[in-house]
Amino acid sequence: CGLPAPRRGSRPDRTNPGVTVLGSGWASVLAIPAGAGLPEPSARQPGATQVERSPYGMLNSLTSPIGNTGDRLLRTAVVNALLTADGRIFIGAVSPALLQAAAAGTYK
C-alpha cells in the first residue's frame, strides 16, 4: 500500500485545472493559480464579522511578509506555503527560497 512515485517535470492536476506540481519527490511544489485557491479579498458576506468575511485577516496573522513584493509566507516544521500578492499559492516541504523560485518561474 505505497504511494505512487511522482513523475518528473511540471504536470497538471486533472481534477483542478491550472493546478500543477513542479519538481519531484520531496522537492515537489504544488502551484495553485490565482483564483483557484482563496476567494478574492473583496468577497464579502453580509452580516459576518471582519474575520468571517474573508480568510485574509486570519492569514495575515499566521503568515509573515517575505521580500518587498507583498508576498506572505506560512512556515511550519513540515511544509511551507507562499501566498503571492497576485493571488497564486505555492506549497511544499521545501525551503522558502525554493517556493520563491517556483513563483518566479525559475523552478521546474
PDB file of N, CA and C in Angstrom:
ATOM      1  N   CYS A   1       0.840  -1.183   0.000  1.00  0.00           N
ATOM      2  CA  CYS A   1       0.000   0.000   0.000  1.00  0.00           C
ATOM      3  C   CYS A   1       0.884   1.246   0.000  1.00  0.00           C
ATOM      4  N   GLY A   2       1.778   1.360  -0.983  1.00  0.00           N
ATOM      5  CA  GLY A   2       2.666   2.507  -1.052  1.00  0.00           C
ATOM      6  C   GLY A   2       2.102   3.610  -1.925  1.00  0.00           C
ATOM      7  N   LEU A   3       2.704   4.763  -1.847  1.00  0.00           N
ATOM      8  CA  LEU A   3       2.297   5.887  -2.676  1.00  0.00           C
ATOM      9  C   LEU A   3       2.923   5.761  -4.056  1.00  0.00           C
ATOM     10  N   PRO A   4       2.214   6.213  -5.096  1.00  0.00           N
ATOM     11  CA  PRO A   4       2.812   6.150  -6.427  1.00  0.00           C
ATOM     12  C   PRO A   4       3.999   7.103  -6.513  1.00  0.00           C
ATOM     13  N   ALA A   5       4.996   6.708  -7.271  1.00  0.00           N
ATOM     14  CA  ALA A   5       6.181   7.546  -7.438  1.00  0.00           C
ATOM     15  C   ALA A   5       5.822   8.773  -8.272  1.00  0.00           C
ATOM     16  N   PRO A   6       6.247   9.973  -7.839  1.00  0.00           N
ATOM     17  CA  PRO A   6       5.952  11.168  -8.616  1.00  0.00           C
ATOM     18  C   PRO A   6       6.708  11.166  -9.937  1.00  0.00           C
ATOM     19  N   ARG A   7       6.102  11.750 -10.951  1.00  0.00           N
ATOM     20  CA  ARG A   7       6.758  11.859 -12.249  1.00  0.00           C
ATOM     21  C   ARG A   7       7.563  13.150 -12.301  1.00  0.00           C
ATOM     22  N   ARG A   8       8.532  13.199 -13.166  1.00  0.00           N
ATOM     23  CA  ARG A   8       9.390  14.373 -13.294  1.00  0.00           C
ATOM     24  C   ARG A   8       8.694  15.480 -14.075  1.00  0.00           C
ATOM     25  N   GLY A   9       9.067  16.721 -13.754  1.00  0.00           N
ATOM     26  CA  GLY A   9       8.595  17.869 -14.519  1.00  0.00           C
ATOM     27  C   GLY A   9       7.260  18.406 -14.041  1.00  0.00           C
ATOM     28  N   SER A  10       6.821  19.458 -14.680  1.00  0.00           N
ATOM     29  CA  SER A  10       5.563  20.097 -14.349  1.00  0.00           C
ATOM     30  C   SER A  10       4.415  19.300 -14.959  1.00  0.00           C
ATOM     31  N   ARG A  11       3.400  19.064 -14.175  1.00  0.00           N
ATOM     32  CA  ARG A  11       2.258  18.319 -14.693  1.00  0.00           C
ATOM     33  C   ARG A  11       0.969  18.887 -14.111  1.00  0.00           C
ATOM     34  N   PRO A  12      -0.095  18.900 -14.895  1.00  0.00           N
ATOM     35  CA  PRO A  12      -1.363  19.438 -14.404  1.00  0.00           C
ATOM     36  C   PRO A  12      -2.083  18.458 -13.493  1.00  0.00           C
ATOM     37  N   ASP A  13      -2.925  18.988 -12.636  1.00  0.00           N
ATOM     38  CA  ASP A  13      -3.807  18.192 -11.799  1.00  0.00           C
ATOM     39  C   ASP A  13      -5.119  18.074 -12.565  1.00  0.00           C
ATOM     40  N   ARG A  14      -5.502  16.869 -12.943  1.00  0.00           N
ATOM     41  CA  ARG A  14      -6.693  16.674 -13.773  1.00  0.00           C
ATOM     42  C   ARG A  14      -7.983  17.061 -13.059  1.00  0.00           C
ATOM     43  N   THR A  15      -8.015  17.014 -11.739  1.00  0.00           N
ATOM     44  CA  THR A  15      -9.229  17.361 -11.003  1.00  0.00           C
ATOM     45  C   THR A  15      -9.347  18.851 -10.737  1.00  0.00           C
ATOM     46  N   ASN A  16      -8.253  19.584 -10.811  1.00  0.00           N
ATOM     47  CA  ASN A  16      -8.242  21.025 -10.572  1.00  0.00           C
ATOM     48  C   ASN A  16      -7.460  21.708 -11.690  1.00  0.00           C
ATOM     49  N   PRO A  17      -8.131  22.086 -12.768  1.00  0.00           N
ATOM     50  CA  PRO A  17      -7.424  22.695 -13.899  1.00  0.00           C
ATOM     51  C   PRO A  17      -6.582  23.893 -13.471  1.00  0.00           C
ATOM     52  N   GLY A  18      -5.396  23.955 -14.005  1.00  0.00           N
ATOM     53  CA  GLY A  18      -4.492  25.052 -13.698  1.00  0.00           C
ATOM     54  C   GLY A  18      -3.542  24.754 -12.560  1.00  0.00           C
ATOM     55  N   VAL A  19      -3.902  23.813 -11.687  1.00  0.00           N
ATOM     56  CA  VAL A  19      -3.040  23.426 -10.577  1.00  0.00           C
ATOM     57  C   VAL A  19      -1.979  22.483 -11.131  1.00  0.00           C
ATOM     58  N   THR A  20      -0.712  22.762 -10.821  1.00  0.00           N
ATOM     59  CA  THR A  20       0.376  21.921 -11.313  1.00  0.00           C
ATOM     60  C   THR A  20       1.306  21.533 -10.179  1.00  0.00           C
ATOM     61  N   VAL A  21       2.070  20.475 -10.411  1.00  0.00           N
ATOM     62  CA  VAL A  21       3.109  20.052  -9.470  1.00  0.00           C
ATOM     63  C   VAL A  21       4.440  20.274 -10.169  1.00  0.00           C
ATOM     64  N   LEU A  22       5.295  21.047  -9.530  1.00  0.00           N
ATOM     65  CA  LEU A  22       6.631  21.324 -10.049  1.00  0.00           C
ATOM     66  C   LEU A  22       7.626  20.456  -9.294  1.00  0.00           C
ATOM     67  N   GLY A  23       8.639  19.972  -9.968  1.00  0.00           N
ATOM     68  CA  GLY A  23       9.660  19.153  -9.323  1.00  0.00           C
ATOM     69  C   GLY A  23       9.174  17.743  -9.090  1.00  0.00           C
ATOM     70  N   SER A  24       9.900  17.015  -8.240  1.00  0.00           N
ATOM     71  CA  SER A  24       9.529  15.627  -7.954  1.00  0.00           C
ATOM     72  C   SER A  24       9.967  15.243  -6.553  1.00  0.00           C
ATOM     73  N   GLY A  25       9.365  14.187  -6.044  1.00  0.00           N
ATOM     74  CA  GLY A  25       9.722  13.678  -4.729  1.00  0.00           C
ATOM     75  C   GLY A  25       9.545  14.715  -3.642  1.00  0.00           C
ATOM     76  N   TRP A  26      10.497  14.740  -2.712  1.00  0.00           N
ATOM     77  CA  TRP A  26      10.429  15.689  -1.591  1.00  0.00           C
ATOM     78  C   TRP A  26      10.617  17.132  -2.031  1.00  0.00           C
ATOM     79  N   ALA A  27      11.099  17.347  -3.252  1.00  0.00           N
ATOM     80  CA  ALA A  27      11.283  18.706  -3.756  1.00  0.00           C
ATOM     81  C   ALA A  27      10.083  19.178  -4.578  1.00  0.00           C
ATOM     82  N   SER A  28       8.950  18.468  -4.481  1.00  0.00           N
ATOM     83  CA  SER A  28       7.746  18.861  -5.218  1.00  0.00           C
ATOM     84  C   SER A  28       7.114  20.108  -4.626  1.00  0.00           C
ATOM     85  N   VAL A  29       6.585  20.938  -5.512  1.00  0.00           N
ATOM     86  CA  VAL A  29       5.872  22.154  -5.117  1.00  0.00           C
ATOM     87  C   VAL A  29       4.527  22.152  -5.823  1.00  0.00           C
ATOM     88  N   LEU A  30       3.460  22.317  -5.068  1.00  0.00           N
ATOM     89  CA  LEU A  30       2.125  22.441  -5.625  1.00  0.00           C
ATOM     90  C   LEU A  30       1.912  23.906  -5.980  1.00  0.00           C
ATOM     91  N   ALA A  31       1.601  24.175  -7.240  1.00  0.00           N
ATOM     92  CA  ALA A  31       1.389  25.551  -7.712  1.00  0.00           C
ATOM     93  C   ALA A  31      -0.089  25.736  -8.024  1.00  0.00           C
ATOM     94  N   ILE A  32      -0.737  26.640  -7.303  1.00  0.00           N
ATOM     95  CA  ILE A  32      -2.159  26.915  -7.471  1.00  0.00           C
ATOM     96  C   ILE A  32      -2.303  28.304  -8.079  1.00  0.00           C
ATOM     97  N   PRO A  33      -2.934  28.415  -9.241  1.00  0.00           N
ATOM     98  CA  PRO A  33      -3.047  29.722  -9.887  1.00  0.00           C
ATOM     99  C   PRO A  33      -3.996  30.658  -9.142  1.00  0.00           C
ATOM    100  N   ALA A  34      -3.890  31.930  -9.419  1.00  0.00           N
ATOM    101  CA  ALA A  34      -4.780  32.926  -8.823  1.00  0.00           C
ATOM    102  C   ALA A  34      -6.225  32.563  -9.162  1.00  0.00           C
ATOM    103  N   GLY A  35      -7.090  32.693  -8.188  1.00  0.00           N
ATOM    104  CA  GLY A  35      -8.495  32.407  -8.399  1.00  0.00           C
ATOM    105  C   GLY A  35      -8.885  30.969  -8.130  1.00  0.00           C
ATOM    106  N   ALA A  36      -7.919  30.054  -8.039  1.00  0.00           N
ATOM    107  CA  ALA A  36      -8.238  28.648  -7.793  1.00  0.00           C
ATOM    108  C   ALA A  36      -8.127  28.290  -6.316  1.00  0.00           C
ATOM    109  N   GLY A  37      -7.575  29.197  -5.516  1.00  0.00           N
ATOM    110  CA  GLY A  37      -7.374  28.907  -4.097  1.00  0.00           C
ATOM    111  C   GLY A  37      -8.320  29.693  -3.217  1.00  0.00           C
ATOM    112  N   LEU A  38      -7.902  30.848  -2.797  1.00  0.00           N
ATOM    113  CA  LEU A  38      -8.681  31.683  -1.898  1.00  0.00           C
ATOM    114  C   LEU A  38      -9.625  32.585  -2.681  1.00  0.00           C
ATOM    115  N   PRO A  39     -10.748  32.968  -2.066  1.00  0.00           N
ATOM    116  CA  PRO A  39     -11.640  33.913  -2.733  1.00  0.00           C
ATOM    117  C   PRO A  39     -10.993  35.291  -2.818  1.00  0.00           C
ATOM    118  N   GLU A  40     -11.491  36.108  -3.701  1.00  0.00           N
ATOM    119  CA  GLU A  40     -10.986  37.472  -3.832  1.00  0.00           C
ATOM    120  C   GLU A  40     -11.147  38.210  -2.508  1.00  0.00           C
ATOM    121  N   PRO A  41     -10.188  39.091  -2.156  1.00  0.00           N
ATOM    122  CA  PRO A  41     -10.300  39.822  -0.892  1.00  0.00           C
ATOM    123  C   PRO A  41     -11.567  40.658  -0.813  1.00  0.00           C
ATOM    124  N   SER A  42     -12.141  41.031  -1.942  1.00  0.00           N
ATOM    125  CA  SER A  42     -13.332  41.867  -1.933  1.00  0.00           C
ATOM    126  C   SER A  42     -14.605  41.065  -1.686  1.00  0.00           C
ATOM    127  N   ALA A  43     -14.512  39.728  -1.666  1.00  0.00           N
ATOM    128  CA  ALA A  43     -15.705  38.903  -1.444  1.00  0.00           C
ATOM    129  C   ALA A  43     -16.177  39.099  -0.010  1.00  0.00           C
ATOM    130  N   ARG A  44     -17.381  39.565   0.157  1.00  0.00           N
ATOM    131  CA  ARG A  44     -17.922  39.863   1.482  1.00  0.00           C
ATOM    132  C   ARG A  44     -19.247  39.141   1.682  1.00  0.00           C
ATOM    133  N   GLN A  45     -19.476  38.699   2.892  1.00  0.00           N
ATOM    134  CA  GLN A  45     -20.744  38.076   3.242  1.00  0.00           C
ATOM    135  C   GLN A  45     -21.474  39.023   4.182  1.00  0.00           C
ATOM    136  N   PRO A  46     -22.675  39.448   3.829  1.00  0.00           N
ATOM    137  CA  PRO A  46     -23.412  40.372   4.699  1.00  0.00           C
ATOM    138  C   PRO A  46     -23.631  39.781   6.089  1.00  0.00           C
ATOM    139  N   GLY A  47     -23.475  40.602   7.111  1.00  0.00           N
ATOM    140  CA  GLY A  47     -23.728  40.188   8.476  1.00  0.00           C
ATOM    141  C   GLY A  47     -22.594  39.433   9.141  1.00  0.00           C
ATOM    142  N   ALA A  48     -21.523  39.132   8.426  1.00  0.00           N
ATOM    143  CA  ALA A  48     -20.401  38.391   9.013  1.00  0.00           C
ATOM    144  C   ALA A  48     -19.418  39.367   9.639  1.00  0.00           C
ATOM    145  N   THR A  49     -18.699  38.889  10.652  1.00  0.00           N
ATOM    146  CA  THR A  49     -17.662  39.725  11.241  1.00  0.00           C
ATOM    147  C   THR A  49     -16.515  39.863  10.252  1.00  0.00           C
ATOM    148  N   GLN A  50     -15.598  40.771  10.517  1.00  0.00           N
ATOM    149  CA  GLN A  50     -14.475  41.005   9.595  1.00  0.00           C
ATOM    150  C   GLN A  50     -13.670  39.740   9.342  1.00  0.00           C
ATOM    151  N   VAL A  51     -13.373  38.955  10.387  1.00  0.00           N
ATOM    152  CA  VAL A  51     -12.592  37.735  10.214  1.00  0.00           C
ATOM    153  C   VAL A  51     -13.386  36.687   9.428  1.00  0.00           C
ATOM    154  N   GLU A  52     -14.711  36.615   9.659  1.00  0.00           N
ATOM    155  CA  GLU A  52     -15.541  35.653   8.934  1.00  0.00           C
ATOM    156  C   GLU A  52     -15.721  36.036   7.474  1.00  0.00           C
ATOM    157  N   ARG A  53     -15.660  37.305   7.162  1.00  0.00           N
ATOM    158  CA  ARG A  53     -15.884  37.768   5.793  1.00  0.00           C
ATOM    159  C   ARG A  53     -14.811  37.286   4.836  1.00  0.00           C
ATOM    160  N   SER A  54     -13.621  37.186   5.314  1.00  0.00           N
ATOM    161  CA  SER A  54     -12.516  36.835   4.444  1.00  0.00           C
ATOM    162  C   SER A  54     -11.460  36.061   5.221  1.00  0.00           C
ATOM    163  N   PRO A  55     -10.839  35.081   4.576  1.00  0.00           N
ATOM    164  CA  PRO A  55      -9.763  34.353   5.259  1.00  0.00           C
ATOM    165  C   PRO A  55      -8.493  35.185   5.378  1.00  0.00           C
ATOM    166  N   TYR A  56      -8.441  36.344   4.760  1.00  0.00           N
ATOM    167  CA  TYR A  56      -7.211  37.133   4.735  1.00  0.00           C
ATOM    168  C   TYR A  56      -6.840  37.703   6.094  1.00  0.00           C
ATOM    169  N   GLY A  57      -7.808  38.042   6.928  1.00  0.00           N
ATOM    170  CA  GLY A  57      -7.487  38.542   8.265  1.00  0.00           C
ATOM    171  C   GLY A  57      -6.729  37.506   9.065  1.00  0.00           C
ATOM    172  N   MET A  58      -7.200  36.272   9.032  1.00  0.00           N
ATOM    173  CA  MET A  58      -6.526  35.198   9.758  1.00  0.00           C
ATOM    174  C   MET A  58      -5.193  34.856   9.099  1.00  0.00           C
ATOM    175  N   LEU A  59      -5.155  34.843   7.772  1.00  0.00           N
ATOM    176  CA  LEU A  59      -3.900  34.532   7.085  1.00  0.00           C
ATOM    177  C   LEU A  59      -2.819  35.550   7.410  1.00  0.00           C
ATOM    178  N   ASN A  60      -3.170  36.812   7.510  1.00  0.00           N
ATOM    179  CA  ASN A  60      -2.174  37.829   7.841  1.00  0.00           C
ATOM    180  C   ASN A  60      -1.578  37.595   9.217  1.00  0.00           C
ATOM    181  N   SER A  61      -2.376  37.049  10.146  1.00  0.00           N
ATOM    182  CA  SER A  61      -1.836  36.789  11.480  1.00  0.00           C
ATOM    183  C   SER A  61      -1.007  35.507  11.518  1.00  0.00           C
ATOM    184  N   LEU A  62      -1.223  34.589  10.582  1.00  0.00           N
ATOM    185  CA  LEU A  62      -0.485  33.327  10.552  1.00  0.00           C
ATOM    186  C   LEU A  62       0.750  33.367   9.658  1.00  0.00           C
ATOM    187  N   THR A  63       0.854  34.383   8.825  1.00  0.00           N
ATOM    188  CA  THR A  63       1.956  34.461   7.865  1.00  0.00           C
ATOM    189  C   THR A  63       2.840  35.666   8.175  1.00  0.00           C
ATOM    190  N   SER A  64       3.995  35.667   7.536  1.00  0.00           N
ATOM    191  CA  SER A  64       4.891  36.815   7.667  1.00  0.00           C
ATOM    192  C   SER A  64       5.263  37.297   6.268  1.00  0.00           C
ATOM    193  N   PRO A  65       5.533  38.603   6.149  1.00  0.00           N
ATOM    194  CA  PRO A  65       5.926  39.117   4.839  1.00  0.00           C
ATOM    195  C   PRO A  65       7.266  38.517   4.419  1.00  0.00           C
ATOM    196  N   ILE A  66       7.417  38.306   3.136  1.00  0.00           N
ATOM    197  CA  ILE A  66       8.678  37.797   2.600  1.00  0.00           C
ATOM    198  C   ILE A  66       9.050  38.689   1.415  1.00  0.00           C
ATOM    199  N   GLY A  67      10.194  39.298   1.488  1.00  0.00           N
ATOM    200  CA  GLY A  67      10.601  40.246   0.448  1.00  0.00           C
ATOM    201  C   GLY A  67       9.798  41.534   0.545  1.00  0.00           C
ATOM    202  N   ASN A  68       9.842  42.316  -0.501  1.00  0.00           N
ATOM    203  CA  ASN A  68       9.112  43.589  -0.506  1.00  0.00           C
ATOM    204  C   ASN A  68       8.049  43.625  -1.604  1.00  0.00           C
ATOM    205  N   THR A  69       7.550  42.432  -1.983  1.00  0.00           N
ATOM    206  CA  THR A  69       6.585  42.328  -3.080  1.00  0.00           C
ATOM    207  C   THR A  69       5.149  42.194  -2.610  1.00  0.00           C
ATOM    208  N   GLY A  70       4.944  42.053  -1.303  1.00  0.00           N
ATOM    209  CA  GLY A  70       3.606  41.817  -0.783  1.00  0.00           C
ATOM    210  C   GLY A  70       3.294  40.343  -0.602  1.00  0.00           C
ATOM    211  N   ASP A  71       4.261  39.470  -0.933  1.00  0.00           N
ATOM    212  CA  ASP A  71       4.077  38.030  -0.742  1.00  0.00           C
ATOM    213  C   ASP A  71       4.103  37.712   0.749  1.00  0.00           C
ATOM    214  N   ARG A  72       3.414  36.623   1.133  1.00  0.00           N
ATOM    215  CA  ARG A  72       3.351  36.196   2.531  1.00  0.00           C
ATOM    216  C   ARG A  72       3.786  34.742   2.630  1.00  0.00           C
ATOM    217  N   LEU A  73       4.429  34.386   3.736  1.00  0.00           N
ATOM    218  CA  LEU A  73       4.942  33.030   3.939  1.00  0.00           C
ATOM    219  C   LEU A  73       4.334  32.423   5.190  1.00  0.00           C
ATOM    220  N   LEU A  74       3.808  31.211   5.043  1.00  0.00           N
ATOM    221  CA  LEU A  74       3.351  30.412   6.170  1.00  0.00           C
ATOM    222  C   LEU A  74       4.384  29.317   6.362  1.00  0.00           C
ATOM    223  N   ARG A  75       4.996  29.294   7.550  1.00  0.00           N
ATOM    224  CA  ARG A  75       6.056  28.320   7.844  1.00  0.00           C
ATOM    225  C   ARG A  75       5.588  27.350   8.906  1.00  0.00           C
ATOM    226  N   THR A  76       5.848  26.063   8.657  1.00  0.00           N
ATOM    227  CA  THR A  76       5.630  25.039   9.678  1.00  0.00           C
ATOM    228  C   THR A  76       6.866  24.147   9.690  1.00  0.00           C
ATOM    229  N   ALA A  77       6.908  23.205  10.618  1.00  0.00           N
ATOM    230  CA  ALA A  77       8.044  22.287  10.695  1.00  0.00           C
ATOM    231  C   ALA A  77       8.073  21.325   9.510  1.00  0.00           C
ATOM    232  N   VAL A  78       6.927  21.117   8.873  1.00  0.00           N
ATOM    233  CA  VAL A  78       6.841  20.126   7.801  1.00  0.00           C
ATOM    234  C   VAL A  78       6.705  20.750   6.422  1.00  0.00           C
ATOM    235  N   VAL A  79       5.913  21.787   6.305  1.00  0.00           N
ATOM    236  CA  VAL A  79       5.594  22.351   4.993  1.00  0.00           C
ATOM    237  C   VAL A  79       5.593  23.874   5.058  1.00  0.00           C
ATOM    238  N   ASN A  80       5.915  24.502   3.944  1.00  0.00           N
ATOM    239  CA  ASN A  80       5.847  25.955   3.822  1.00  0.00           C
ATOM    240  C   ASN A  80       4.867  26.295   2.712  1.00  0.00           C
ATOM    241  N   ALA A  81       4.245  27.462   2.819  1.00  0.00           N
ATOM    242  CA  ALA A  81       3.326  27.932   1.788  1.00  0.00           C
ATOM    243  C   ALA A  81       3.626  29.395   1.492  1.00  0.00           C
ATOM    244  N   LEU A  82       3.718  29.717   0.214  1.00  0.00           N
ATOM    245  CA  LEU A  82       3.935  31.089  -0.233  1.00  0.00           C
ATOM    246  C   LEU A  82       2.660  31.570  -0.893  1.00  0.00           C
ATOM    247  N   LEU A  83       2.112  32.661  -0.389  1.00  0.00           N
ATOM    248  CA  LEU A  83       0.933  33.286  -0.967  1.00  0.00           C
ATOM    249  C   LEU A  83       1.403  34.567  -1.636  1.00  0.00           C
ATOM    250  N   THR A  84       1.322  34.625  -2.946  1.00  0.00           N
ATOM    251  CA  THR A  84       1.844  35.778  -3.665  1.00  0.00           C
ATOM    252  C   THR A  84       0.834  36.916  -3.683  1.00  0.00           C
ATOM    253  N   ALA A  85       1.342  38.114  -3.876  1.00  0.00           N
ATOM    254  CA  ALA A  85       0.494  39.307  -3.908  1.00  0.00           C
ATOM    255  C   ALA A  85      -0.514  39.245  -5.056  1.00  0.00           C
ATOM    256  N   ASP A  86      -0.195  38.501  -6.114  1.00  0.00           N
ATOM    257  CA  ASP A  86      -1.121  38.403  -7.251  1.00  0.00           C
ATOM    258  C   ASP A  86      -2.102  37.239  -7.119  1.00  0.00           C
ATOM    259  N   GLY A  87      -2.121  36.557  -5.962  1.00  0.00           N
ATOM    260  CA  GLY A  87      -3.126  35.540  -5.690  1.00  0.00           C
ATOM    261  C   GLY A  87      -2.720  34.101  -5.917  1.00  0.00           C
ATOM    262  N   ARG A  88      -1.496  33.858  -6.386  1.00  0.00           N
ATOM    263  CA  ARG A  88      -1.042  32.483  -6.577  1.00  0.00           C
ATOM    264  C   ARG A  88      -0.584  31.902  -5.249  1.00  0.00           C
ATOM    265  N   ILE A  89      -0.623  30.556  -5.139  1.00  0.00           N
ATOM    266  CA  ILE A  89      -0.215  29.867  -3.923  1.00  0.00           C
ATOM    267  C   ILE A  89       0.756  28.753  -4.305  1.00  0.00           C
ATOM    268  N   PHE A  90       1.864  28.643  -3.555  1.00  0.00           N
ATOM    269  CA  PHE A  90       2.871  27.611  -3.769  1.00  0.00           C
ATOM    270  C   PHE A  90       3.096  26.910  -2.432  1.00  0.00           C
ATOM    271  N   ILE A  91       2.961  25.574  -2.430  1.00  0.00           N
ATOM    272  CA  ILE A  91       3.039  24.798  -1.194  1.00  0.00           C
ATOM    273  C   ILE A  91       4.001  23.632  -1.392  1.00  0.00           C
ATOM    274  N   GLY A  92       4.861  23.399  -0.400  1.00  0.00           N
ATOM    275  CA  GLY A  92       5.753  22.255  -0.481  1.00  0.00           C
ATOM    276  C   GLY A  92       6.566  22.072   0.781  1.00  0.00           C
ATOM    277  N   ALA A  93       7.129  20.892   0.937  1.00  0.00           N
ATOM    278  CA  ALA A  93       8.031  20.594   2.049  1.00  0.00           C
ATOM    279  C   ALA A  93       9.437  20.993   1.617  1.00  0.00           C
ATOM    280  N   VAL A  94       9.557  22.247   1.216  1.00  0.00           N
ATOM    281  CA  VAL A  94      10.797  22.800   0.673  1.00  0.00           C
ATOM    282  C   VAL A  94      11.080  24.139   1.350  1.00  0.00           C
ATOM    283  N   SER A  95      12.234  24.705   1.053  1.00  0.00           N
ATOM    284  CA  SER A  95      12.617  25.982   1.653  1.00  0.00           C
ATOM    285  C   SER A  95      11.803  27.137   1.063  1.00  0.00           C
ATOM    286  N   PRO A  96      11.682  28.230   1.802  1.00  0.00           N
ATOM    287  CA  PRO A  96      11.021  29.410   1.253  1.00  0.00           C
ATOM    288  C   PRO A  96      11.689  29.894  -0.039  1.00  0.00           C
ATOM    289  N   ALA A  97      13.011  29.765  -0.124  1.00  0.00           N
ATOM    290  CA  ALA A  97      13.718  30.197  -1.338  1.00  0.00           C
ATOM    291  C   ALA A  97      13.269  29.393  -2.555  1.00  0.00           C
ATOM    292  N   LEU A  98      13.038  28.096  -2.375  1.00  0.00           N
ATOM    293  CA  LEU A  98      12.576  27.272  -3.489  1.00  0.00           C
ATOM    294  C   LEU A  98      11.145  27.650  -3.878  1.00  0.00           C
ATOM    295  N   LEU A  99      10.304  27.979  -2.898  1.00  0.00           N
ATOM    296  CA  LEU A  99       8.951  28.442  -3.205  1.00  0.00           C
ATOM    297  C   LEU A  99       9.000  29.746  -3.989  1.00  0.00           C
ATOM    298  N   GLN A 100       9.914  30.635  -3.619  1.00  0.00           N
ATOM    299  CA  GLN A 100      10.059  31.893  -4.345  1.00  0.00           C
ATOM    300  C   GLN A 100      10.539  31.636  -5.773  1.00  0.00           C
ATOM    301  N   ALA A 101      11.422  30.661  -5.957  1.00  0.00           N
ATOM    302  CA  ALA A 101      11.884  30.316  -7.313  1.00  0.00           C
ATOM    303  C   ALA A 101      10.720  29.766  -8.136  1.00  0.00           C
ATOM    304  N   ALA A 102       9.866  28.976  -7.517  1.00  0.00           N
ATOM    305  CA  ALA A 102       8.693  28.452  -8.226  1.00  0.00           C
ATOM    306  C   ALA A 102       7.765  29.594  -8.633  1.00  0.00           C
ATOM    307  N   ALA A 103       7.584  30.559  -7.748  1.00  0.00           N
ATOM    308  CA  ALA A 103       6.730  31.708  -8.064  1.00  0.00           C
ATOM    309  C   ALA A 103       7.330  32.561  -9.180  1.00  0.00           C
ATOM    310  N   ALA A 104       8.660  32.638  -9.220  1.00  0.00           N
ATOM    311  CA  ALA A 104       9.333  33.432 -10.239  1.00  0.00           C
ATOM    312  C   ALA A 104       9.397  32.699 -11.584  1.00  0.00           C
ATOM    313  N   GLY A 105       9.032  31.405 -11.572  1.00  0.00           N
ATOM    314  CA  GLY A 105       9.052  30.640 -12.804  1.00  0.00           C
ATOM    315  C   GLY A 105      10.410  30.045 -13.137  1.00  0.00           C
ATOM    316  N   THR A 106      11.330  30.053 -12.177  1.00  0.00           N
ATOM    317  CA  THR A 106      12.669  29.520 -12.434  1.00  0.00           C
ATOM    318  C   THR A 106      12.856  28.107 -11.893  1.00  0.00           C
ATOM    319  N   TYR A 107      11.834  27.549 -11.249  1.00  0.00           N
ATOM    320  CA  TYR A 107      11.906  26.182 -10.723  1.00  0.00           C
ATOM    321  C   TYR A 107      10.958  25.310 -11.527  1.00  0.00           C
ATOM    322  N   LYS A 108      11.447  24.216 -12.046  1.00  0.00           N
ATOM    323  CA  LYS A 108      10.608  23.326 -12.865  1.00  0.00           C
ATOM    324  C   LYS A 108      10.505  21.981 -12.230  1.00  0.00           C
TER     325      LYS A 108
END
